[in-house]
């Protein structure tokens, strides 16, 4: 564990796909970039206040996440690779409230209603203004961590 300072306020993963609600994420990133340090990974946003990393390898992503306080997930999958990478690097994750995370992950996750953008903006600003409390890094030791999630 390195004692890195968390200088990046929020990171967004962007990918152009109809299931990813990219417009909501772009809207939030543009809104927050006026006051906070915002980084995007994947697709780029045309905004001079946003740091666009583009497509990067996992090692570079981990370096970014170790310096990040919060991340915002797309609505379709609470357990995407990006989400798991965030949790394993101690980043607090915002997710769509229609999902229910594993009990062991709830401390590092906050549910929001993606369809109430005004409420999401207020909640994110409230969280970003507070002093960031160091999150417990989640370690996925074996396949059993997600066995309940993948049952039919």
N, C-alpha and C. Protein backbone atom coordinates (compact mmCIF):
# COMPACT_ATOMS: atom_id res chain seq x y z
N UNK A 1 0.83 -1.19 0.00
CA UNK A 1 0.00 0.00 0.00
C UNK A 1 0.87 1.25 0.00
N UNK A 2 0.72 2.01 -1.03
CA UNK A 2 1.42 3.29 -1.10
C UNK A 2 0.50 4.34 -0.49
N UNK A 3 1.10 5.30 0.19
CA UNK A 3 0.30 6.40 0.73
C UNK A 3 0.22 7.51 -0.31
N UNK A 4 -0.50 7.24 -1.37
CA UNK A 4 -0.67 8.21 -2.44
C UNK A 4 -1.78 9.17 -2.08
N UNK A 5 -1.60 10.42 -2.46
CA UNK A 5 -2.68 11.37 -2.23
C UNK A 5 -3.72 11.20 -3.33
N UNK A 6 -4.95 11.38 -2.98
CA UNK A 6 -6.06 11.21 -3.92
C UNK A 6 -6.37 12.58 -4.53
N UNK A 7 -5.61 12.96 -5.55
CA UNK A 7 -5.76 14.29 -6.14
C UNK A 7 -6.81 14.36 -7.24
N UNK A 8 -7.23 13.22 -7.79
CA UNK A 8 -8.27 13.20 -8.82
C UNK A 8 -9.61 13.03 -8.10
N UNK A 9 -10.54 13.93 -8.36
CA UNK A 9 -11.83 13.87 -7.66
C UNK A 9 -12.71 12.74 -8.17
N UNK A 10 -12.86 12.63 -9.49
CA UNK A 10 -13.75 11.61 -10.04
C UNK A 10 -13.27 11.17 -11.41
N UNK A 11 -13.44 9.87 -11.67
CA UNK A 11 -13.06 9.30 -12.96
C UNK A 11 -14.30 8.65 -13.59
N UNK A 12 -14.41 8.83 -14.90
CA UNK A 12 -15.51 8.25 -15.67
C UNK A 12 -14.93 7.34 -16.74
N UNK A 13 -15.54 6.19 -16.94
CA UNK A 13 -15.20 5.32 -18.06
C UNK A 13 -16.25 5.54 -19.13
N UNK A 14 -15.80 5.91 -20.31
CA UNK A 14 -16.72 6.20 -21.41
C UNK A 14 -16.49 5.23 -22.56
N UNK A 15 -17.58 4.72 -23.06
CA UNK A 15 -17.54 3.87 -24.25
C UNK A 15 -18.84 4.10 -25.00
N UNK A 16 -18.72 4.38 -26.27
CA UNK A 16 -19.91 4.62 -27.08
C UNK A 16 -20.65 3.31 -27.31
N UNK A 17 -21.77 3.15 -26.64
CA UNK A 17 -22.61 1.96 -26.78
C UNK A 17 -24.00 2.31 -26.29
N UNK A 18 -25.02 1.79 -26.93
CA UNK A 18 -26.39 2.16 -26.59
C UNK A 18 -26.78 1.78 -25.16
N UNK A 19 -26.16 0.76 -24.57
CA UNK A 19 -26.49 0.33 -23.20
C UNK A 19 -25.79 1.14 -22.12
N UNK A 20 -24.83 1.95 -22.48
CA UNK A 20 -23.98 2.59 -21.48
C UNK A 20 -24.47 3.94 -20.98
N UNK A 21 -25.57 4.48 -21.51
CA UNK A 21 -26.07 5.80 -21.08
C UNK A 21 -24.95 6.85 -21.09
N UNK A 22 -24.20 6.88 -22.16
CA UNK A 22 -23.05 7.76 -22.26
C UNK A 22 -23.42 9.23 -22.13
N UNK A 23 -24.60 9.61 -22.59
CA UNK A 23 -25.02 11.02 -22.51
C UNK A 23 -25.12 11.50 -21.06
N UNK A 24 -25.62 10.67 -20.18
CA UNK A 24 -25.72 11.02 -18.76
C UNK A 24 -24.32 11.24 -18.19
N UNK A 25 -23.41 10.34 -18.51
CA UNK A 25 -22.05 10.42 -17.99
C UNK A 25 -21.34 11.66 -18.53
N UNK A 26 -21.49 11.94 -19.82
CA UNK A 26 -20.87 13.13 -20.41
C UNK A 26 -21.43 14.40 -19.78
N UNK A 27 -22.74 14.44 -19.57
CA UNK A 27 -23.37 15.59 -18.93
C UNK A 27 -22.80 15.82 -17.53
N UNK A 28 -22.68 14.76 -16.75
CA UNK A 28 -22.13 14.88 -15.40
C UNK A 28 -20.67 15.31 -15.42
N UNK A 29 -19.89 14.71 -16.30
CA UNK A 29 -18.46 15.05 -16.39
C UNK A 29 -18.29 16.53 -16.74
N UNK A 30 -19.05 17.02 -17.71
CA UNK A 30 -18.96 18.43 -18.09
C UNK A 30 -19.38 19.34 -16.94
N UNK A 31 -20.44 18.98 -16.24
CA UNK A 31 -20.93 19.77 -15.12
C UNK A 31 -19.89 19.84 -13.98
N UNK A 32 -19.33 18.69 -13.62
CA UNK A 32 -18.39 18.63 -12.49
C UNK A 32 -17.02 19.22 -12.82
N UNK A 33 -16.67 19.24 -14.10
CA UNK A 33 -15.32 19.69 -14.48
C UNK A 33 -15.09 21.17 -14.21
N UNK A 34 -16.15 21.94 -13.99
CA UNK A 34 -15.99 23.36 -13.69
C UNK A 34 -15.43 23.60 -12.28
N UNK A 35 -15.65 22.64 -11.36
CA UNK A 35 -15.21 22.81 -9.98
C UNK A 35 -14.22 21.75 -9.51
N UNK A 36 -14.20 20.59 -10.16
CA UNK A 36 -13.43 19.46 -9.66
C UNK A 36 -12.51 18.89 -10.74
N UNK A 37 -11.54 18.12 -10.29
CA UNK A 37 -10.62 17.48 -11.23
C UNK A 37 -11.27 16.20 -11.75
N UNK A 38 -11.60 16.21 -13.04
CA UNK A 38 -12.32 15.11 -13.68
C UNK A 38 -11.41 14.46 -14.71
N UNK A 39 -11.38 13.12 -14.69
CA UNK A 39 -10.60 12.35 -15.65
C UNK A 39 -11.53 11.37 -16.35
N UNK A 40 -11.36 11.22 -17.65
CA UNK A 40 -12.10 10.20 -18.39
C UNK A 40 -11.13 9.17 -18.94
N UNK A 41 -11.62 7.95 -19.01
CA UNK A 41 -10.87 6.83 -19.58
C UNK A 41 -11.72 6.26 -20.70
N UNK A 42 -11.11 5.92 -21.81
CA UNK A 42 -11.85 5.39 -22.96
C UNK A 42 -12.10 6.50 -23.96
N UNK A 43 -13.36 6.74 -24.30
CA UNK A 43 -13.71 7.80 -25.24
C UNK A 43 -13.36 9.16 -24.64
N UNK A 44 -13.18 10.14 -25.50
CA UNK A 44 -12.79 11.47 -25.04
C UNK A 44 -13.96 12.45 -25.14
N UNK A 45 -13.96 13.42 -24.22
CA UNK A 45 -14.97 14.48 -24.20
C UNK A 45 -14.26 15.78 -24.61
N UNK A 46 -14.88 16.54 -25.47
CA UNK A 46 -14.30 17.83 -25.88
C UNK A 46 -14.62 18.86 -24.81
N UNK A 47 -13.73 18.98 -23.84
CA UNK A 47 -13.86 19.95 -22.76
C UNK A 47 -12.47 20.20 -22.21
N UNK A 48 -12.01 21.43 -22.23
CA UNK A 48 -10.64 21.75 -21.80
C UNK A 48 -10.41 21.51 -20.31
N UNK A 49 -11.47 21.43 -19.52
CA UNK A 49 -11.34 21.20 -18.07
C UNK A 49 -11.24 19.72 -17.71
N UNK A 50 -11.45 18.85 -18.66
CA UNK A 50 -11.43 17.41 -18.40
C UNK A 50 -10.13 16.81 -18.93
N UNK A 51 -9.53 15.95 -18.12
CA UNK A 51 -8.33 15.24 -18.56
C UNK A 51 -8.79 13.94 -19.22
N UNK A 52 -8.60 13.85 -20.53
CA UNK A 52 -8.99 12.67 -21.30
C UNK A 52 -7.78 11.75 -21.46
N UNK A 53 -7.85 10.57 -20.89
CA UNK A 53 -6.74 9.62 -20.98
C UNK A 53 -6.83 8.74 -22.22
N UNK A 54 -8.00 8.64 -22.80
CA UNK A 54 -8.17 7.77 -23.96
C UNK A 54 -8.12 6.30 -23.55
N UNK A 55 -7.80 5.46 -24.50
CA UNK A 55 -7.70 4.02 -24.21
C UNK A 55 -6.32 3.74 -23.64
N UNK A 56 -6.30 3.16 -22.45
CA UNK A 56 -5.04 2.91 -21.74
C UNK A 56 -4.98 1.47 -21.27
N UNK A 57 -3.77 1.01 -20.92
CA UNK A 57 -3.63 -0.35 -20.40
C UNK A 57 -3.98 -0.39 -18.91
N UNK A 58 -4.07 -1.58 -18.37
CA UNK A 58 -4.52 -1.75 -16.99
C UNK A 58 -3.53 -1.15 -15.99
N UNK A 59 -2.25 -1.24 -16.27
CA UNK A 59 -1.26 -0.69 -15.34
C UNK A 59 -1.43 0.83 -15.20
N UNK A 60 -1.64 1.50 -16.32
CA UNK A 60 -1.86 2.96 -16.30
C UNK A 60 -3.18 3.29 -15.61
N UNK A 61 -4.20 2.47 -15.87
CA UNK A 61 -5.49 2.66 -15.20
C UNK A 61 -5.33 2.55 -13.69
N UNK A 62 -4.60 1.55 -13.22
CA UNK A 62 -4.39 1.39 -11.78
C UNK A 62 -3.66 2.59 -11.19
N UNK A 63 -2.69 3.14 -11.91
CA UNK A 63 -1.98 4.33 -11.42
C UNK A 63 -2.95 5.50 -11.25
N UNK A 64 -3.88 5.64 -12.18
CA UNK A 64 -4.89 6.70 -12.10
C UNK A 64 -5.84 6.44 -10.94
N UNK A 65 -6.33 5.20 -10.82
CA UNK A 65 -7.30 4.87 -9.78
C UNK A 65 -6.72 5.01 -8.38
N UNK A 66 -5.44 4.77 -8.21
CA UNK A 66 -4.81 4.93 -6.90
C UNK A 66 -4.76 6.39 -6.46
N UNK A 67 -4.98 7.30 -7.40
CA UNK A 67 -4.98 8.73 -7.10
C UNK A 67 -6.38 9.32 -7.14
N UNK A 68 -7.40 8.46 -7.26
CA UNK A 68 -8.78 8.90 -7.47
C UNK A 68 -9.65 8.65 -6.24
N UNK A 69 -10.55 9.58 -5.96
CA UNK A 69 -11.48 9.46 -4.84
C UNK A 69 -12.74 8.70 -5.23
N UNK A 70 -13.38 9.10 -6.35
CA UNK A 70 -14.67 8.55 -6.73
C UNK A 70 -14.69 8.14 -8.21
N UNK A 71 -15.59 7.22 -8.52
CA UNK A 71 -15.85 6.87 -9.91
C UNK A 71 -17.35 6.74 -10.10
N UNK A 72 -17.77 6.87 -11.35
CA UNK A 72 -19.18 6.82 -11.70
C UNK A 72 -19.36 5.75 -12.76
N UNK A 73 -20.17 4.74 -12.45
CA UNK A 73 -20.35 3.61 -13.36
C UNK A 73 -21.48 3.85 -14.35
N UNK A 74 -21.39 3.20 -15.48
CA UNK A 74 -22.52 3.22 -16.42
C UNK A 74 -23.62 2.34 -15.83
N UNK A 75 -24.83 2.53 -16.31
CA UNK A 75 -26.01 1.94 -15.65
C UNK A 75 -26.20 0.45 -15.89
N UNK A 76 -25.55 -0.13 -16.89
CA UNK A 76 -25.92 -1.49 -17.28
C UNK A 76 -25.26 -2.60 -16.48
N UNK A 77 -24.15 -2.34 -15.78
CA UNK A 77 -23.45 -3.44 -15.10
C UNK A 77 -22.69 -2.93 -13.89
N UNK A 78 -23.14 -3.33 -12.72
CA UNK A 78 -22.49 -2.91 -11.48
C UNK A 78 -21.15 -3.61 -11.26
N UNK A 79 -20.94 -4.76 -11.90
CA UNK A 79 -19.69 -5.52 -11.73
C UNK A 79 -18.88 -5.60 -13.01
N UNK A 80 -18.75 -4.48 -13.70
CA UNK A 80 -17.90 -4.42 -14.89
C UNK A 80 -16.44 -4.52 -14.45
N UNK A 81 -15.56 -4.76 -15.40
CA UNK A 81 -14.13 -4.80 -15.07
C UNK A 81 -13.68 -3.46 -14.49
N UNK A 82 -14.20 -2.38 -15.04
CA UNK A 82 -13.86 -1.06 -14.52
C UNK A 82 -14.29 -0.91 -13.06
N UNK A 83 -15.48 -1.35 -12.75
CA UNK A 83 -15.99 -1.30 -11.38
C UNK A 83 -15.10 -2.10 -10.42
N UNK A 84 -14.76 -3.30 -10.81
CA UNK A 84 -13.91 -4.15 -9.98
C UNK A 84 -12.52 -3.55 -9.81
N UNK A 85 -11.99 -2.94 -10.87
CA UNK A 85 -10.70 -2.27 -10.77
C UNK A 85 -10.77 -1.10 -9.79
N UNK A 86 -11.86 -0.34 -9.85
CA UNK A 86 -12.04 0.78 -8.92
C UNK A 86 -12.07 0.28 -7.47
N UNK A 87 -12.88 -0.72 -7.21
CA UNK A 87 -13.02 -1.24 -5.84
C UNK A 87 -11.70 -1.81 -5.32
N UNK A 88 -10.96 -2.49 -6.18
CA UNK A 88 -9.70 -3.08 -5.74
C UNK A 88 -8.61 -2.03 -5.54
N UNK A 89 -8.84 -0.81 -6.00
CA UNK A 89 -7.87 0.28 -5.80
C UNK A 89 -8.36 1.32 -4.80
N UNK A 90 -9.41 1.01 -4.04
CA UNK A 90 -9.87 1.89 -2.98
C UNK A 90 -10.64 3.10 -3.44
N UNK A 91 -11.26 3.03 -4.61
CA UNK A 91 -12.06 4.14 -5.14
C UNK A 91 -13.52 3.91 -4.75
N UNK A 92 -14.17 4.95 -4.26
CA UNK A 92 -15.60 4.86 -3.93
C UNK A 92 -16.40 4.95 -5.23
N UNK A 93 -17.39 4.07 -5.40
CA UNK A 93 -18.10 3.92 -6.66
C UNK A 93 -19.56 4.34 -6.52
N UNK A 94 -20.04 5.14 -7.48
CA UNK A 94 -21.46 5.48 -7.60
C UNK A 94 -22.05 4.58 -8.67
N UNK A 95 -23.20 3.96 -8.37
CA UNK A 95 -23.83 3.03 -9.30
C UNK A 95 -25.34 3.29 -9.36
N UNK A 96 -25.97 2.76 -10.41
CA UNK A 96 -27.42 2.93 -10.58
C UNK A 96 -28.15 2.12 -9.51
N UNK A 97 -29.12 2.74 -8.87
CA UNK A 97 -29.78 2.15 -7.70
C UNK A 97 -30.62 0.91 -8.00
N UNK A 98 -30.86 0.57 -9.25
CA UNK A 98 -31.67 -0.60 -9.56
C UNK A 98 -30.92 -1.90 -9.25
N UNK A 99 -29.62 -1.81 -8.98
CA UNK A 99 -28.83 -2.99 -8.64
C UNK A 99 -28.61 -3.06 -7.14
N UNK A 100 -28.35 -4.26 -6.67
CA UNK A 100 -28.05 -4.46 -5.26
C UNK A 100 -26.66 -5.08 -5.14
N UNK A 101 -25.69 -4.35 -4.62
CA UNK A 101 -24.33 -4.89 -4.54
C UNK A 101 -24.20 -5.94 -3.45
N UNK A 102 -23.13 -6.71 -3.55
CA UNK A 102 -22.81 -7.68 -2.51
C UNK A 102 -22.62 -6.93 -1.19
N UNK A 103 -23.02 -7.54 -0.10
CA UNK A 103 -22.95 -6.91 1.21
C UNK A 103 -21.54 -6.43 1.53
N UNK A 104 -20.54 -7.21 1.17
CA UNK A 104 -19.15 -6.85 1.48
C UNK A 104 -18.67 -5.62 0.71
N UNK A 105 -19.39 -5.22 -0.33
CA UNK A 105 -18.97 -4.08 -1.15
C UNK A 105 -19.73 -2.80 -0.84
N UNK A 106 -20.82 -2.88 -0.09
CA UNK A 106 -21.71 -1.73 0.12
C UNK A 106 -21.01 -0.54 0.75
N UNK A 107 -19.99 -0.76 1.57
CA UNK A 107 -19.30 0.35 2.22
C UNK A 107 -18.59 1.24 1.21
N UNK A 108 -18.17 0.67 0.10
CA UNK A 108 -17.41 1.41 -0.90
C UNK A 108 -18.26 1.82 -2.10
N UNK A 109 -19.58 1.74 -1.96
CA UNK A 109 -20.47 2.04 -3.08
C UNK A 109 -21.65 2.88 -2.61
N UNK A 110 -22.14 3.75 -3.50
CA UNK A 110 -23.32 4.57 -3.21
C UNK A 110 -24.29 4.47 -4.38
N UNK A 111 -25.55 4.18 -4.06
CA UNK A 111 -26.59 4.07 -5.09
C UNK A 111 -27.13 5.45 -5.43
N UNK A 112 -27.36 5.69 -6.72
CA UNK A 112 -27.98 6.93 -7.18
C UNK A 112 -28.99 6.60 -8.28
N UNK A 113 -29.96 7.47 -8.43
CA UNK A 113 -30.97 7.30 -9.47
C UNK A 113 -30.52 8.03 -10.72
N UNK A 114 -30.08 7.31 -11.72
CA UNK A 114 -29.54 7.90 -12.94
C UNK A 114 -30.57 8.72 -13.71
N UNK A 115 -31.84 8.52 -13.44
CA UNK A 115 -32.88 9.23 -14.17
C UNK A 115 -33.27 10.54 -13.50
N UNK A 116 -32.67 10.84 -12.37
CA UNK A 116 -32.88 12.12 -11.67
C UNK A 116 -31.54 12.86 -11.64
N UNK A 117 -31.15 13.38 -12.77
CA UNK A 117 -29.83 13.98 -12.94
C UNK A 117 -29.60 15.14 -11.98
N UNK A 118 -30.65 15.92 -11.70
CA UNK A 118 -30.50 17.03 -10.77
C UNK A 118 -30.12 16.54 -9.37
N UNK A 119 -30.72 15.44 -8.93
CA UNK A 119 -30.43 14.87 -7.62
C UNK A 119 -29.02 14.27 -7.61
N UNK A 120 -28.65 13.62 -8.70
CA UNK A 120 -27.31 13.02 -8.81
C UNK A 120 -26.24 14.12 -8.72
N UNK A 121 -26.45 15.22 -9.41
CA UNK A 121 -25.49 16.32 -9.38
C UNK A 121 -25.31 16.86 -7.96
N UNK A 122 -26.43 17.04 -7.24
CA UNK A 122 -26.36 17.54 -5.87
C UNK A 122 -25.62 16.56 -4.95
N UNK A 123 -25.92 15.26 -5.09
CA UNK A 123 -25.27 14.26 -4.27
C UNK A 123 -23.77 14.20 -4.54
N UNK A 124 -23.38 14.20 -5.81
CA UNK A 124 -21.97 14.15 -6.16
C UNK A 124 -21.23 15.38 -5.64
N UNK A 125 -21.82 16.54 -5.78
CA UNK A 125 -21.18 17.75 -5.27
C UNK A 125 -21.03 17.70 -3.75
N UNK A 126 -22.04 17.20 -3.07
CA UNK A 126 -21.98 17.08 -1.61
C UNK A 126 -20.83 16.15 -1.21
N UNK A 127 -20.72 15.00 -1.89
CA UNK A 127 -19.65 14.05 -1.58
C UNK A 127 -18.28 14.63 -1.91
N UNK A 128 -18.16 15.30 -3.06
CA UNK A 128 -16.87 15.84 -3.48
C UNK A 128 -16.39 16.98 -2.60
N UNK A 129 -17.30 17.71 -1.96
CA UNK A 129 -16.92 18.80 -1.07
C UNK A 129 -16.36 18.29 0.26
N UNK A 130 -16.83 17.11 0.68
CA UNK A 130 -16.38 16.54 1.94
C UNK A 130 -14.94 16.04 1.83
N UNK A 131 -14.29 15.93 2.97
CA UNK A 131 -12.97 15.32 3.00
C UNK A 131 -13.11 13.84 2.70
N UNK A 132 -12.31 13.35 1.79
CA UNK A 132 -12.39 11.95 1.36
C UNK A 132 -11.83 11.05 2.45
N UNK A 133 -12.63 10.07 2.84
CA UNK A 133 -12.19 9.07 3.81
C UNK A 133 -11.61 7.90 3.05
N UNK A 134 -10.44 7.48 3.45
CA UNK A 134 -9.77 6.38 2.76
C UNK A 134 -10.68 5.14 2.76
N UNK A 135 -10.87 4.58 1.58
CA UNK A 135 -11.72 3.41 1.42
C UNK A 135 -10.89 2.14 1.63
N UNK A 136 -11.55 1.14 2.12
CA UNK A 136 -10.90 -0.16 2.24
C UNK A 136 -10.80 -0.77 0.85
N UNK A 137 -9.60 -1.20 0.49
CA UNK A 137 -9.43 -1.84 -0.81
C UNK A 137 -10.07 -3.22 -0.75
N UNK A 138 -10.83 -3.54 -1.77
CA UNK A 138 -11.51 -4.83 -1.85
C UNK A 138 -10.59 -5.81 -2.56
N UNK A 139 -10.38 -6.95 -1.94
CA UNK A 139 -9.54 -7.99 -2.55
C UNK A 139 -10.44 -9.16 -2.91
N UNK A 140 -10.46 -9.50 -4.19
CA UNK A 140 -11.26 -10.62 -4.67
C UNK A 140 -10.36 -11.84 -4.67
N UNK A 141 -10.53 -12.69 -3.65
CA UNK A 141 -9.61 -13.81 -3.45
C UNK A 141 -9.94 -15.03 -4.29
N UNK A 142 -11.20 -15.30 -4.49
CA UNK A 142 -11.54 -16.51 -5.23
C UNK A 142 -12.86 -16.36 -5.96
N UNK A 143 -13.24 -17.37 -6.68
CA UNK A 143 -14.47 -17.34 -7.47
C UNK A 143 -15.72 -17.22 -6.60
N UNK A 144 -15.63 -17.62 -5.35
CA UNK A 144 -16.80 -17.62 -4.48
C UNK A 144 -17.32 -16.21 -4.18
N UNK A 145 -16.49 -15.19 -4.36
CA UNK A 145 -16.93 -13.82 -4.10
C UNK A 145 -18.16 -13.44 -4.90
N UNK A 146 -18.31 -14.01 -6.11
CA UNK A 146 -19.42 -13.67 -6.99
C UNK A 146 -20.33 -14.85 -7.29
N UNK A 147 -20.22 -15.91 -6.53
CA UNK A 147 -21.00 -17.11 -6.82
C UNK A 147 -22.50 -16.86 -6.76
N UNK A 148 -22.97 -16.04 -5.80
CA UNK A 148 -24.40 -15.74 -5.70
C UNK A 148 -24.87 -14.87 -6.86
N UNK A 149 -24.01 -14.01 -7.32
CA UNK A 149 -24.36 -13.09 -8.39
C UNK A 149 -24.60 -13.81 -9.71
N UNK A 150 -23.86 -14.90 -9.95
CA UNK A 150 -23.95 -15.60 -11.23
C UNK A 150 -24.89 -16.80 -11.23
N UNK A 151 -25.62 -17.03 -10.13
CA UNK A 151 -26.56 -18.15 -10.11
C UNK A 151 -27.73 -17.89 -11.03
N UNK A 152 -28.23 -18.92 -11.64
CA UNK A 152 -29.40 -18.79 -12.54
C UNK A 152 -30.69 -18.97 -11.78
